[in-house]
């Protein structure tokens, strides 16, 4: 039996007679299935099956489960709810959210995003069960080393197809020098500034993998999905990821509006220095997204269009 068949069979034993009606693209290596009951009045669910049961699978399963349980305890109603879960077999049955993927974000959406983050971090919320978010920002040095490791891994990818060769040339000519230039330009300030002192930083609960790609909209209300990388993180990194996520890059005006809303909603829920750290890391986060867009190099499957998109994104975001 496949993992999908086993999950459906397990759910049948728990009283859920489900039929798979759609296979939805989910996180890397996770299966996301839309299912319905066999009743006359169809009720829809999402079955999410995490990767093979190793350390990484447990990590993703636990992160999402803890996040959804925390969201429910905070009274958040624009995320899925857990109906059933299997800790050993690493699947979750969750409610299905009706709606469509938005093509762009409106000004009204900024307040909904900020409100969602704020509610996650209400004082009544407890961070005890949360581990660090994937690639949590602990220091500027760690972020720079992360970028260097990413570049080195991509440069070690095979020289086939030709797009890999072209991508490597671009990485060597443009991206590697830019990382070193930003390091030289920013590092002295980052190492000695008060806003980077550990006592100045108050971590928040973060969904982590944020952006328009992980939202659903219905009747002008935003819903949020996919929390496999959730955990505690720096508010500056969460904001930077929203601002620079390639599926919807904020303009300067949009950025100012979004940050103002975040500052209002997050007052008292995070430290006061996060906007200063944001200015320090934006250029580095921009490069991180460029490198993520080239991940297919590692599986010899980078398309010319994907390389073009990374180069175009890099040019589009210069100076933001």
C-alpha atoms as a PDB file:
ATOM      1  CA  UNK A   1       0.000   0.000   0.000  1.00  0.00           C
ATOM      2  CA  UNK A   2       1.120   3.561  -0.696  1.00  0.00           C
ATOM      3  CA  UNK A   3       1.359   6.143   2.101  1.00  0.00           C
ATOM      4  CA  UNK A   4      -1.786   7.709   0.712  1.00  0.00           C
ATOM      5  CA  UNK A   5      -3.704   4.409   0.816  1.00  0.00           C
ATOM      6  CA  UNK A   6      -2.444   3.669   4.332  1.00  0.00           C
ATOM      7  CA  UNK A   7      -3.538   7.092   5.619  1.00  0.00           C
ATOM      8  CA  UNK A   8      -7.019   6.694   4.088  1.00  0.00           C
ATOM      9  CA  UNK A   9      -7.278   3.178   5.590  1.00  0.00           C
ATOM     10  CA  UNK A  10      -6.175   4.464   9.025  1.00  0.00           C
ATOM     11  CA  UNK A  11      -8.772   7.223   8.863  1.00  0.00           C
ATOM     12  CA  UNK A  12     -11.474   4.706   7.909  1.00  0.00           C
ATOM     13  CA  UNK A  13     -10.714   2.865  11.175  1.00  0.00           C
ATOM     14  CA  UNK A  14     -11.295   6.167  12.975  1.00  0.00           C
ATOM     15  CA  UNK A  15     -14.703   6.613  11.367  1.00  0.00           C
ATOM     16  CA  UNK A  16     -13.773   8.747   8.340  1.00  0.00           C
ATOM     17  CA  UNK A  17     -14.905   7.319   5.009  1.00  0.00           C
ATOM     18  CA  UNK A  18     -12.916   9.480   2.613  1.00  0.00           C
ATOM     19  CA  UNK A  19     -12.394   9.690  -1.118  1.00  0.00           C
ATOM     20  CA  UNK A  20      -9.393  11.539  -2.565  1.00  0.00           C
ATOM     21  CA  UNK A  21     -10.616  14.134  -5.055  1.00  0.00           C
ATOM     22  CA  UNK A  22      -7.464  16.188  -5.682  1.00  0.00           C
ATOM     23  CA  UNK A  23      -3.727  16.018  -5.130  1.00  0.00           C
ATOM     24  CA  UNK A  24      -2.474  19.463  -4.188  1.00  0.00           C
ATOM     25  CA  UNK A  25       1.153  20.553  -4.337  1.00  0.00           C
ATOM     26  CA  UNK A  26       2.402  20.909  -0.796  1.00  0.00           C
ATOM     27  CA  UNK A  27       5.700  21.470   0.925  1.00  0.00           C
ATOM     28  CA  UNK A  28       8.843  19.721  -0.317  1.00  0.00           C
ATOM     29  CA  UNK A  29       8.295  15.967  -0.082  1.00  0.00           C
ATOM     30  CA  UNK A  30       4.956  16.363   1.721  1.00  0.00           C
ATOM     31  CA  UNK A  31       1.779  15.035   0.128  1.00  0.00           C
ATOM     32  CA  UNK A  32      -1.289  17.267   0.386  1.00  0.00           C
ATOM     33  CA  UNK A  33      -4.565  15.616  -0.545  1.00  0.00           C
ATOM     34  CA  UNK A  34      -8.068  17.034  -0.776  1.00  0.00           C
ATOM     35  CA  UNK A  35     -10.611  14.448   0.357  1.00  0.00           C
ATOM     36  CA  UNK A  36     -14.368  14.318   0.790  1.00  0.00           C
ATOM     37  CA  UNK A  37     -16.740  12.213   2.809  1.00  0.00           C
ATOM     38  CA  UNK A  38     -19.021   9.756   1.098  1.00  0.00           C
ATOM     39  CA  UNK A  39     -22.083  11.350   2.653  1.00  0.00           C
ATOM     40  CA  UNK A  40     -24.872  12.969   0.648  1.00  0.00           C
ATOM     41  CA  UNK A  41     -23.714  16.368   1.864  1.00  0.00           C
ATOM     42  CA  UNK A  42     -20.059  16.428   0.906  1.00  0.00           C
ATOM     43  CA  UNK A  43     -17.626  17.613   3.553  1.00  0.00           C
ATOM     44  CA  UNK A  44     -14.056  18.298   2.520  1.00  0.00           C
ATOM     45  CA  UNK A  45     -10.806  17.763   4.405  1.00  0.00           C
ATOM     46  CA  UNK A  46      -7.079  18.020   3.793  1.00  0.00           C
ATOM     47  CA  UNK A  47      -4.861  15.023   4.459  1.00  0.00           C
ATOM     48  CA  UNK A  48      -1.217  16.023   4.813  1.00  0.00           C
ATOM     49  CA  UNK A  49       1.343  13.223   4.769  1.00  0.00           C
ATOM     50  CA  UNK A  50       4.861  14.188   5.808  1.00  0.00           C
ATOM     51  CA  UNK A  51       8.132  12.688   4.463  1.00  0.00           C
ATOM     52  CA  UNK A  52       9.508   9.265   5.392  1.00  0.00           C
ATOM     53  CA  UNK A  53       9.603   8.743   9.171  1.00  0.00           C
ATOM     54  CA  UNK A  54      13.054  10.075   9.942  1.00  0.00           C
ATOM     55  CA  UNK A  55      14.211  13.013  12.010  1.00  0.00           C
ATOM     56  CA  UNK A  56      13.236  15.562   9.325  1.00  0.00           C
ATOM     57  CA  UNK A  57       9.726  14.085   8.960  1.00  0.00           C
ATOM     58  CA  UNK A  58       9.061  14.194  12.685  1.00  0.00           C
ATOM     59  CA  UNK A  59      10.401  17.728  12.749  1.00  0.00           C
ATOM     60  CA  UNK A  60       7.989  18.972  10.048  1.00  0.00           C
ATOM     61  CA  UNK A  61       5.043  17.040  11.450  1.00  0.00           C
ATOM     62  CA  UNK A  62       5.646  18.281  14.994  1.00  0.00           C
ATOM     63  CA  UNK A  63       6.193  21.882  13.917  1.00  0.00           C
ATOM     64  CA  UNK A  64       2.925  22.044  12.004  1.00  0.00           C
ATOM     65  CA  UNK A  65       0.959  20.195  14.680  1.00  0.00           C
ATOM     66  CA  UNK A  66       2.253  22.431  17.489  1.00  0.00           C
ATOM     67  CA  UNK A  67       1.592  25.565  15.431  1.00  0.00           C
ATOM     68  CA  UNK A  68      -2.014  24.601  14.570  1.00  0.00           C
ATOM     69  CA  UNK A  69      -2.745  23.629  18.174  1.00  0.00           C
ATOM     70  CA  UNK A  70      -1.312  26.928  19.379  1.00  0.00           C
ATOM     71  CA  UNK A  71      -3.355  28.857  16.819  1.00  0.00           C
ATOM     72  CA  UNK A  72      -6.533  27.180  18.023  1.00  0.00           C
ATOM     73  CA  UNK A  73      -5.687  27.997  21.656  1.00  0.00           C
ATOM     74  CA  UNK A  74      -5.244  31.640  20.621  1.00  0.00           C
ATOM     75  CA  UNK A  75      -8.704  31.749  19.004  1.00  0.00           C
ATOM     76  CA  UNK A  76      -7.298  32.146  15.489  1.00  0.00           C
ATOM     77  CA  UNK A  77      -9.946  31.154  12.949  1.00  0.00           C
ATOM     78  CA  UNK A  78      -8.145  31.715   9.656  1.00  0.00           C
ATOM     79  CA  UNK A  79      -5.916  28.636   9.731  1.00  0.00           C
ATOM     80  CA  UNK A  80      -6.847  24.958   9.369  1.00  0.00           C
ATOM     81  CA  UNK A  81      -7.916  22.992  12.434  1.00  0.00           C
ATOM     82  CA  UNK A  82      -6.655  19.514  13.256  1.00  0.00           C
ATOM     83  CA  UNK A  83      -9.324  16.803  13.070  1.00  0.00           C
ATOM     84  CA  UNK A  84      -7.052  13.775  13.522  1.00  0.00           C
ATOM     85  CA  UNK A  85      -3.306  13.158  13.634  1.00  0.00           C
ATOM     86  CA  UNK A  86      -1.023  10.132  13.771  1.00  0.00           C
ATOM     87  CA  UNK A  87       2.290  10.745  15.510  1.00  0.00           C
ATOM     88  CA  UNK A  88       3.814   7.416  14.411  1.00  0.00           C
ATOM     89  CA  UNK A  89       2.765   7.590  10.751  1.00  0.00           C
ATOM     90  CA  UNK A  90       3.206  11.346  10.395  1.00  0.00           C
ATOM     91  CA  UNK A  91      -0.054  12.483   8.882  1.00  0.00           C
ATOM     92  CA  UNK A  92      -2.617  15.098   9.864  1.00  0.00           C
ATOM     93  CA  UNK A  93      -6.256  15.329   8.837  1.00  0.00           C
ATOM     94  CA  UNK A  94      -7.216  18.999   8.881  1.00  0.00           C
ATOM     95  CA  UNK A  95     -10.160  21.150   7.894  1.00  0.00           C
ATOM     96  CA  UNK A  96     -10.371  22.291   4.285  1.00  0.00           C
ATOM     97  CA  UNK A  97     -10.309  26.048   3.705  1.00  0.00           C
ATOM     98  CA  UNK A  98     -12.510  27.296   0.871  1.00  0.00           C
ATOM     99  CA  UNK A  99     -11.154  30.086  -1.286  1.00  0.00           C
ATOM    100  CA  UNK A 100      -8.679  30.970  -4.011  1.00  0.00           C
ATOM    101  CA  UNK A 101      -4.988  31.767  -4.112  1.00  0.00           C
ATOM    102  CA  UNK A 102      -4.737  35.584  -4.351  1.00  0.00           C
ATOM    103  CA  UNK A 103      -2.748  36.997  -7.251  1.00  0.00           C
ATOM    104  CA  UNK A 104      -1.726  40.096  -5.311  1.00  0.00           C
ATOM    105  CA  UNK A 105      -2.021  41.609  -1.856  1.00  0.00           C
ATOM    106  CA  UNK A 106      -4.194  44.641  -1.162  1.00  0.00           C
ATOM    107  CA  UNK A 107      -3.706  47.298   1.512  1.00  0.00           C
ATOM    108  CA  UNK A 108      -6.448  45.696   3.620  1.00  0.00           C
ATOM    109  CA  UNK A 109      -4.496  42.439   3.574  1.00  0.00           C
ATOM    110  CA  UNK A 110      -1.556  44.011   5.419  1.00  0.00           C
ATOM    111  CA  UNK A 111      -3.652  44.496   8.543  1.00  0.00           C
ATOM    112  CA  UNK A 112      -4.887  40.898   8.336  1.00  0.00           C
ATOM    113  CA  UNK A 113      -1.327  39.591   8.054  1.00  0.00           C
ATOM    114  CA  UNK A 114      -0.138  41.779  10.922  1.00  0.00           C
ATOM    115  CA  UNK A 115      -3.173  40.859  13.005  1.00  0.00           C
ATOM    116  CA  UNK A 116      -2.483  37.171  12.459  1.00  0.00           C
ATOM    117  CA  UNK A 117       1.130  37.520  13.607  1.00  0.00           C
ATOM    118  CA  UNK A 118       0.045  39.620  16.589  1.00  0.00           C
ATOM    119  CA  UNK A 119      -2.576  37.110  17.715  1.00  0.00           C
ATOM    120  CA  UNK A 120      -0.020  34.316  17.529  1.00  0.00           C
ATOM    121  CA  UNK A 121       2.055  36.357  19.958  1.00  0.00           C
ATOM    122  CA  UNK A 122      -0.614  37.566  22.364  1.00  0.00           C
ATOM    123  CA  UNK A 123       0.632  37.591  25.936  1.00  0.00           C
ATOM    124  CA  UNK A 124      -1.627  34.663  26.803  1.00  0.00           C
ATOM    125  CA  UNK A 125       0.274  32.588  24.244  1.00  0.00           C
ATOM    126  CA  UNK A 126       3.032  30.272  25.441  1.00  0.00           C
ATOM    127  CA  UNK A 127       6.226  29.660  23.489  1.00  0.00           C
ATOM    128  CA  UNK A 128       7.211  26.671  25.642  1.00  0.00           C
ATOM    129  CA  UNK A 129       6.452  24.021  23.002  1.00  0.00           C
ATOM    130  CA  UNK A 130       8.067  25.889  20.138  1.00  0.00           C
ATOM    131  CA  UNK A 131      11.551  25.163  18.877  1.00  0.00           C
ATOM    132  CA  UNK A 132      13.461  27.604  16.690  1.00  0.00           C
ATOM    133  CA  UNK A 133      11.989  28.165  13.244  1.00  0.00           C
ATOM    134  CA  UNK A 134      13.860  26.603  10.349  1.00  0.00           C
ATOM    135  CA  UNK A 135      16.806  28.905   9.579  1.00  0.00           C
ATOM    136  CA  UNK A 136      15.922  31.098  12.545  1.00  0.00           C
ATOM    137  CA  UNK A 137      17.854  34.376  12.556  1.00  0.00           C
ATOM    138  CA  UNK A 138      20.112  34.271  15.612  1.00  0.00           C
ATOM    139  CA  UNK A 139      22.878  36.549  14.345  1.00  0.00           C
ATOM    140  CA  UNK A 140      23.973  38.308  11.158  1.00  0.00           C
ATOM    141  CA  UNK A 141      27.070  36.093  11.044  1.00  0.00           C
ATOM    142  CA  UNK A 142      24.922  32.952  10.928  1.00  0.00           C
ATOM    143  CA  UNK A 143      22.825  34.429   8.110  1.00  0.00           C
ATOM    144  CA  UNK A 144      25.940  35.233   6.052  1.00  0.00           C
ATOM    145  CA  UNK A 145      27.376  31.748   6.646  1.00  0.00           C
ATOM    146  CA  UNK A 146      24.041  30.245   5.588  1.00  0.00           C
ATOM    147  CA  UNK A 147      24.241  32.138   2.299  1.00  0.00           C
ATOM    148  CA  UNK A 148      27.814  31.022   1.706  1.00  0.00           C
ATOM    149  CA  UNK A 149      26.855  27.387   2.343  1.00  0.00           C
ATOM    150  CA  UNK A 150      23.952  27.688  -0.081  1.00  0.00           C
ATOM    151  CA  UNK A 151      26.183  29.148  -2.785  1.00  0.00           C
ATOM    152  CA  UNK A 152      28.840  26.474  -2.284  1.00  0.00           C
ATOM    153  CA  UNK A 153      26.246  23.711  -2.501  1.00  0.00           C
ATOM    154  CA  UNK A 154      24.903  25.123  -5.779  1.00  0.00           C
ATOM    155  CA  UNK A 155      28.407  25.491  -7.194  1.00  0.00           C
ATOM    156  CA  UNK A 156      28.999  21.797  -6.440  1.00  0.00           C
ATOM    157  CA  UNK A 157      25.964  20.790  -8.509  1.00  0.00           C
ATOM    158  CA  UNK A 158      26.641  18.900 -11.779  1.00  0.00           C
ATOM    159  CA  UNK A 159      27.537  20.900 -14.893  1.00  0.00           C
ATOM    160  CA  UNK A 160      24.522  19.494 -16.691  1.00  0.00           C
ATOM    161  CA  UNK A 161      22.138  20.731 -17.974  1.00  0.00           C
ATOM    162  CA  UNK A 162      23.569  23.878 -19.552  1.00  0.00           C
ATOM    163  CA  UNK A 163      21.386  26.025 -17.279  1.00  0.00           C
ATOM    164  CA  UNK A 164      23.494  24.802 -14.345  1.00  0.00           C
ATOM    165  CA  UNK A 165      26.639  26.070 -16.077  1.00  0.00           C
ATOM    166  CA  UNK A 166      24.989  29.430 -16.791  1.00  0.00           C
ATOM    167  CA  UNK A 167      23.709  29.670 -13.219  1.00  0.00           C
ATOM    168  CA  UNK A 168      27.169  28.965 -11.809  1.00  0.00           C
ATOM    169  CA  UNK A 169      28.640  31.770 -13.930  1.00  0.00           C
ATOM    170  CA  UNK A 170      25.999  34.151 -12.570  1.00  0.00           C
ATOM    171  CA  UNK A 171      26.627  33.020  -8.996  1.00  0.00           C
ATOM    172  CA  UNK A 172      30.376  33.562  -9.325  1.00  0.00           C
ATOM    173  CA  UNK A 173      30.129  36.874 -11.176  1.00  0.00           C
ATOM    174  CA  UNK A 174      27.212  38.534  -9.324  1.00  0.00           C
ATOM    175  CA  UNK A 175      26.018  36.768  -6.174  1.00  0.00           C
ATOM    176  CA  UNK A 176      29.267  35.757  -4.436  1.00  0.00           C
ATOM    177  CA  UNK A 177      30.822  39.261  -4.753  1.00  0.00           C
ATOM    178  CA  UNK A 178      27.547  40.804  -3.577  1.00  0.00           C
ATOM    179  CA  UNK A 179      27.514  38.660  -0.428  1.00  0.00           C
ATOM    180  CA  UNK A 180      31.080  39.720   0.380  1.00  0.00           C
ATOM    181  CA  UNK A 181      30.337  43.376  -0.386  1.00  0.00           C
ATOM    182  CA  UNK A 182      27.300  43.368   1.905  1.00  0.00           C
ATOM    183  CA  UNK A 183      29.300  41.599   4.589  1.00  0.00           C
ATOM    184  CA  UNK A 184      32.041  44.212   4.454  1.00  0.00           C
ATOM    185  CA  UNK A 185      29.547  47.080   4.328  1.00  0.00           C
ATOM    186  CA  UNK A 186      27.199  45.892   7.073  1.00  0.00           C
ATOM    187  CA  UNK A 187      29.210  43.674   9.404  1.00  0.00           C
ATOM    188  CA  UNK A 188      30.937  46.332  11.498  1.00  0.00           C
ATOM    189  CA  UNK A 189      27.604  48.029  12.192  1.00  0.00           C
ATOM    190  CA  UNK A 190      25.819  44.758  12.897  1.00  0.00           C
ATOM    191  CA  UNK A 191      28.466  43.420  15.273  1.00  0.00           C
ATOM    192  CA  UNK A 192      28.597  46.522  17.448  1.00  0.00           C
ATOM    193  CA  UNK A 193      25.065  47.938  17.285  1.00  0.00           C
ATOM    194  CA  UNK A 194      22.789  47.795  20.269  1.00  0.00           C
ATOM    195  CA  UNK A 195      19.933  46.387  18.183  1.00  0.00           C
ATOM    196  CA  UNK A 196      21.966  43.199  17.562  1.00  0.00           C
ATOM    197  CA  UNK A 197      22.787  42.575  21.220  1.00  0.00           C
ATOM    198  CA  UNK A 198      21.068  39.391  22.382  1.00  0.00           C
ATOM    199  CA  UNK A 199      19.481  41.191  25.323  1.00  0.00           C
ATOM    200  CA  UNK A 200      17.806  43.571  22.831  1.00  0.00           C
ATOM    201  CA  UNK A 201      16.149  40.791  20.815  1.00  0.00           C
ATOM    202  CA  UNK A 202      12.797  39.286  21.787  1.00  0.00           C
ATOM    203  CA  UNK A 203      11.926  36.291  19.632  1.00  0.00           C
ATOM    204  CA  UNK A 204       8.378  35.823  18.341  1.00  0.00           C
ATOM    205  CA  UNK A 205       6.321  32.847  17.182  1.00  0.00           C
ATOM    206  CA  UNK A 206       6.629  32.766  13.395  1.00  0.00           C
ATOM    207  CA  UNK A 207       4.848  30.744  10.666  1.00  0.00           C
ATOM    208  CA  UNK A 208       8.270  30.959   8.941  1.00  0.00           C
ATOM    209  CA  UNK A 209       7.440  29.956   5.332  1.00  0.00           C
ATOM    210  CA  UNK A 210       5.416  33.087   4.625  1.00  0.00           C
ATOM    211  CA  UNK A 211       4.186  34.765   1.482  1.00  0.00           C
ATOM    212  CA  UNK A 212       1.251  35.065  -0.857  1.00  0.00           C
ATOM    213  CA  UNK A 213       1.856  31.459  -1.980  1.00  0.00           C
ATOM    214  CA  UNK A 214       0.745  30.226   1.452  1.00  0.00           C
ATOM    215  CA  UNK A 215      -2.460  32.254   1.656  1.00  0.00           C
ATOM    216  CA  UNK A 216      -6.031  31.637   0.547  1.00  0.00           C
ATOM    217  CA  UNK A 217      -8.630  34.365   0.122  1.00  0.00           C
ATOM    218  CA  UNK A 218     -12.396  34.178   0.448  1.00  0.00           C
ATOM    219  CA  UNK A 219     -14.774  37.138   0.659  1.00  0.00           C
ATOM    220  CA  UNK A 220     -11.771  39.464   1.252  1.00  0.00           C
ATOM    221  CA  UNK A 221     -10.607  37.411   4.243  1.00  0.00           C
ATOM    222  CA  UNK A 222      -7.095  35.946   4.215  1.00  0.00           C
ATOM    223  CA  UNK A 223      -6.428  32.416   5.441  1.00  0.00           C
ATOM    224  CA  UNK A 224      -2.964  31.031   6.133  1.00  0.00           C
ATOM    225  CA  UNK A 225      -1.586  27.541   5.460  1.00  0.00           C
ATOM    226  CA  UNK A 226       1.611  25.455   5.573  1.00  0.00           C
ATOM    227  CA  UNK A 227       3.507  25.655   8.854  1.00  0.00           C
ATOM    228  CA  UNK A 228       6.119  22.912   8.435  1.00  0.00           C
ATOM    229  CA  UNK A 229       8.956  25.309   9.323  1.00  0.00           C
ATOM    230  CA  UNK A 230       7.196  27.246  12.118  1.00  0.00           C
ATOM    231  CA  UNK A 231       8.905  28.146  15.376  1.00  0.00           C
ATOM    232  CA  UNK A 232      10.456  31.084  17.181  1.00  0.00           C
ATOM    233  CA  UNK A 233      12.311  33.671  15.115  1.00  0.00           C
ATOM    234  CA  UNK A 234      13.356  37.290  14.863  1.00  0.00           C
ATOM    235  CA  UNK A 235      10.591  39.695  13.854  1.00  0.00           C
ATOM    236  CA  UNK A 236      12.968  41.333  11.379  1.00  0.00           C
ATOM    237  CA  UNK A 237      13.412  38.101   9.423  1.00  0.00           C
ATOM    238  CA  UNK A 238       9.674  37.401   9.318  1.00  0.00           C
ATOM    239  CA  UNK A 239       9.068  40.912   7.971  1.00  0.00           C
ATOM    240  CA  UNK A 240      11.902  40.609   5.426  1.00  0.00           C
ATOM    241  CA  UNK A 241      10.549  37.295   4.129  1.00  0.00           C
ATOM    242  CA  UNK A 242       7.105  38.842   3.602  1.00  0.00           C
ATOM    243  CA  UNK A 243       8.538  41.914   1.888  1.00  0.00           C
ATOM    244  CA  UNK A 244      10.880  40.064  -0.474  1.00  0.00           C
ATOM    245  CA  UNK A 245       9.112  36.756  -1.184  1.00  0.00           C
ATOM    246  CA  UNK A 246       9.430  36.405  -4.978  1.00  0.00           C
ATOM    247  CA  UNK A 247       5.751  35.674  -5.612  1.00  0.00           C
ATOM    248  CA  UNK A 248       4.838  39.171  -4.407  1.00  0.00           C
ATOM    249  CA  UNK A 249       7.617  41.705  -3.860  1.00  0.00           C
ATOM    250  CA  UNK A 250       6.451  44.816  -2.013  1.00  0.00           C
ATOM    251  CA  UNK A 251       7.088  48.212  -3.585  1.00  0.00           C
ATOM    252  CA  UNK A 252       8.653  50.923  -1.440  1.00  0.00           C
ATOM    253  CA  UNK A 253       5.227  52.422  -0.701  1.00  0.00           C
ATOM    254  CA  UNK A 254       3.740  49.019   0.109  1.00  0.00           C
ATOM    255  CA  UNK A 255       6.708  48.268   2.346  1.00  0.00           C
ATOM    256  CA  UNK A 256       6.267  51.492   4.333  1.00  0.00           C
ATOM    257  CA  UNK A 257       2.541  50.817   4.797  1.00  0.00           C
ATOM    258  CA  UNK A 258       3.113  47.202   5.826  1.00  0.00           C
ATOM    259  CA  UNK A 259       5.831  48.055   8.341  1.00  0.00           C
ATOM    260  CA  UNK A 260       3.679  50.768   9.921  1.00  0.00           C
ATOM    261  CA  UNK A 261       0.826  48.290  10.393  1.00  0.00           C
ATOM    262  CA  UNK A 262       3.225  45.690  11.804  1.00  0.00           C
ATOM    263  CA  UNK A 263       4.669  48.206  14.266  1.00  0.00           C
ATOM    264  CA  UNK A 264       1.192  49.066  15.543  1.00  0.00           C
ATOM    265  CA  UNK A 265      -0.034  45.464  15.796  1.00  0.00           C
ATOM    266  CA  UNK A 266       3.184  44.078  17.296  1.00  0.00           C
ATOM    267  CA  UNK A 267       3.752  46.789  19.890  1.00  0.00           C
ATOM    268  CA  UNK A 268       4.592  45.084  23.163  1.00  0.00           C
ATOM    269  CA  UNK A 269       4.789  41.686  21.485  1.00  0.00           C
ATOM    270  CA  UNK A 270       8.355  42.003  20.176  1.00  0.00           C
ATOM    271  CA  UNK A 271      11.370  44.205  20.821  1.00  0.00           C
ATOM    272  CA  UNK A 272      11.550  47.812  19.623  1.00  0.00           C
ATOM    273  CA  UNK A 273      14.698  47.351  17.522  1.00  0.00           C
ATOM    274  CA  UNK A 274      13.401  44.942  14.880  1.00  0.00           C
ATOM    275  CA  UNK A 275      13.011  47.579  12.153  1.00  0.00           C
ATOM    276  CA  UNK A 276      16.709  48.497  12.503  1.00  0.00           C
ATOM    277  CA  UNK A 277      17.710  44.863  12.107  1.00  0.00           C
ATOM    278  CA  UNK A 278      15.359  44.640   9.118  1.00  0.00           C
ATOM    279  CA  UNK A 279      17.322  47.351   7.322  1.00  0.00           C
ATOM    280  CA  UNK A 280      20.532  45.447   8.012  1.00  0.00           C
ATOM    281  CA  UNK A 281      19.347  42.103   6.625  1.00  0.00           C
ATOM    282  CA  UNK A 282      17.121  43.002   3.667  1.00  0.00           C
ATOM    283  CA  UNK A 283      19.937  42.755   1.144  1.00  0.00           C
ATOM    284  CA  UNK A 284      20.984  39.385   2.539  1.00  0.00           C
ATOM    285  CA  UNK A 285      17.428  38.004   2.541  1.00  0.00           C
ATOM    286  CA  UNK A 286      17.087  39.151  -1.071  1.00  0.00           C
ATOM    287  CA  UNK A 287      20.110  37.009  -1.970  1.00  0.00           C
ATOM    288  CA  UNK A 288      18.682  34.096   0.017  1.00  0.00           C
ATOM    289  CA  UNK A 289      15.564  34.146  -2.179  1.00  0.00           C
ATOM    290  CA  UNK A 290      17.734  34.207  -5.324  1.00  0.00           C
ATOM    291  CA  UNK A 291      19.501  31.075  -4.107  1.00  0.00           C
ATOM    292  CA  UNK A 292      16.271  29.329  -3.182  1.00  0.00           C
ATOM    293  CA  UNK A 293      15.019  29.992  -6.706  1.00  0.00           C
ATOM    294  CA  UNK A 294      18.035  28.037  -8.000  1.00  0.00           C
ATOM    295  CA  UNK A 295      17.522  24.969  -5.772  1.00  0.00           C
ATOM    296  CA  UNK A 296      16.628  22.830  -8.789  1.00  0.00           C
ATOM    297  CA  UNK A 297      20.319  22.925  -9.727  1.00  0.00           C
ATOM    298  CA  UNK A 298      20.886  20.243  -7.096  1.00  0.00           C
ATOM    299  CA  UNK A 299      18.586  17.818  -8.905  1.00  0.00           C
ATOM    300  CA  UNK A 300      19.801  18.676 -12.427  1.00  0.00           C
ATOM    301  CA  UNK A 301      16.345  20.041 -13.214  1.00  0.00           C
ATOM    302  CA  UNK A 302      16.831  23.820 -13.331  1.00  0.00           C
ATOM    303  CA  UNK A 303      14.931  25.219 -16.307  1.00  0.00           C
ATOM    304  CA  UNK A 304      16.073  28.246 -18.297  1.00  0.00           C
ATOM    305  CA  UNK A 305      12.877  30.026 -17.254  1.00  0.00           C
ATOM    306  CA  UNK A 306      13.719  29.472 -13.569  1.00  0.00           C
ATOM    307  CA  UNK A 307      17.207  30.906 -13.986  1.00  0.00           C
ATOM    308  CA  UNK A 308      15.759  33.871 -15.893  1.00  0.00           C
ATOM    309  CA  UNK A 309      13.258  34.432 -13.066  1.00  0.00           C
ATOM    310  CA  UNK A 310      16.039  34.480 -10.463  1.00  0.00           C
ATOM    311  CA  UNK A 311      18.070  37.005 -12.488  1.00  0.00           C
ATOM    312  CA  UNK A 312      14.973  39.117 -13.119  1.00  0.00           C
ATOM    313  CA  UNK A 313      14.056  39.041  -9.405  1.00  0.00           C
ATOM    314  CA  UNK A 314      17.597  40.089  -8.469  1.00  0.00           C
ATOM    315  CA  UNK A 315      17.395  43.108 -10.796  1.00  0.00           C
ATOM    316  CA  UNK A 316      13.827  43.980  -9.763  1.00  0.00           C
ATOM    317  CA  UNK A 317      14.674  44.072  -6.057  1.00  0.00           C
ATOM    318  CA  UNK A 318      17.917  46.019  -6.313  1.00  0.00           C
ATOM    319  CA  UNK A 319      17.771  49.015  -4.010  1.00  0.00           C
ATOM    320  CA  UNK A 320      14.603  47.956  -2.176  1.00  0.00           C
END
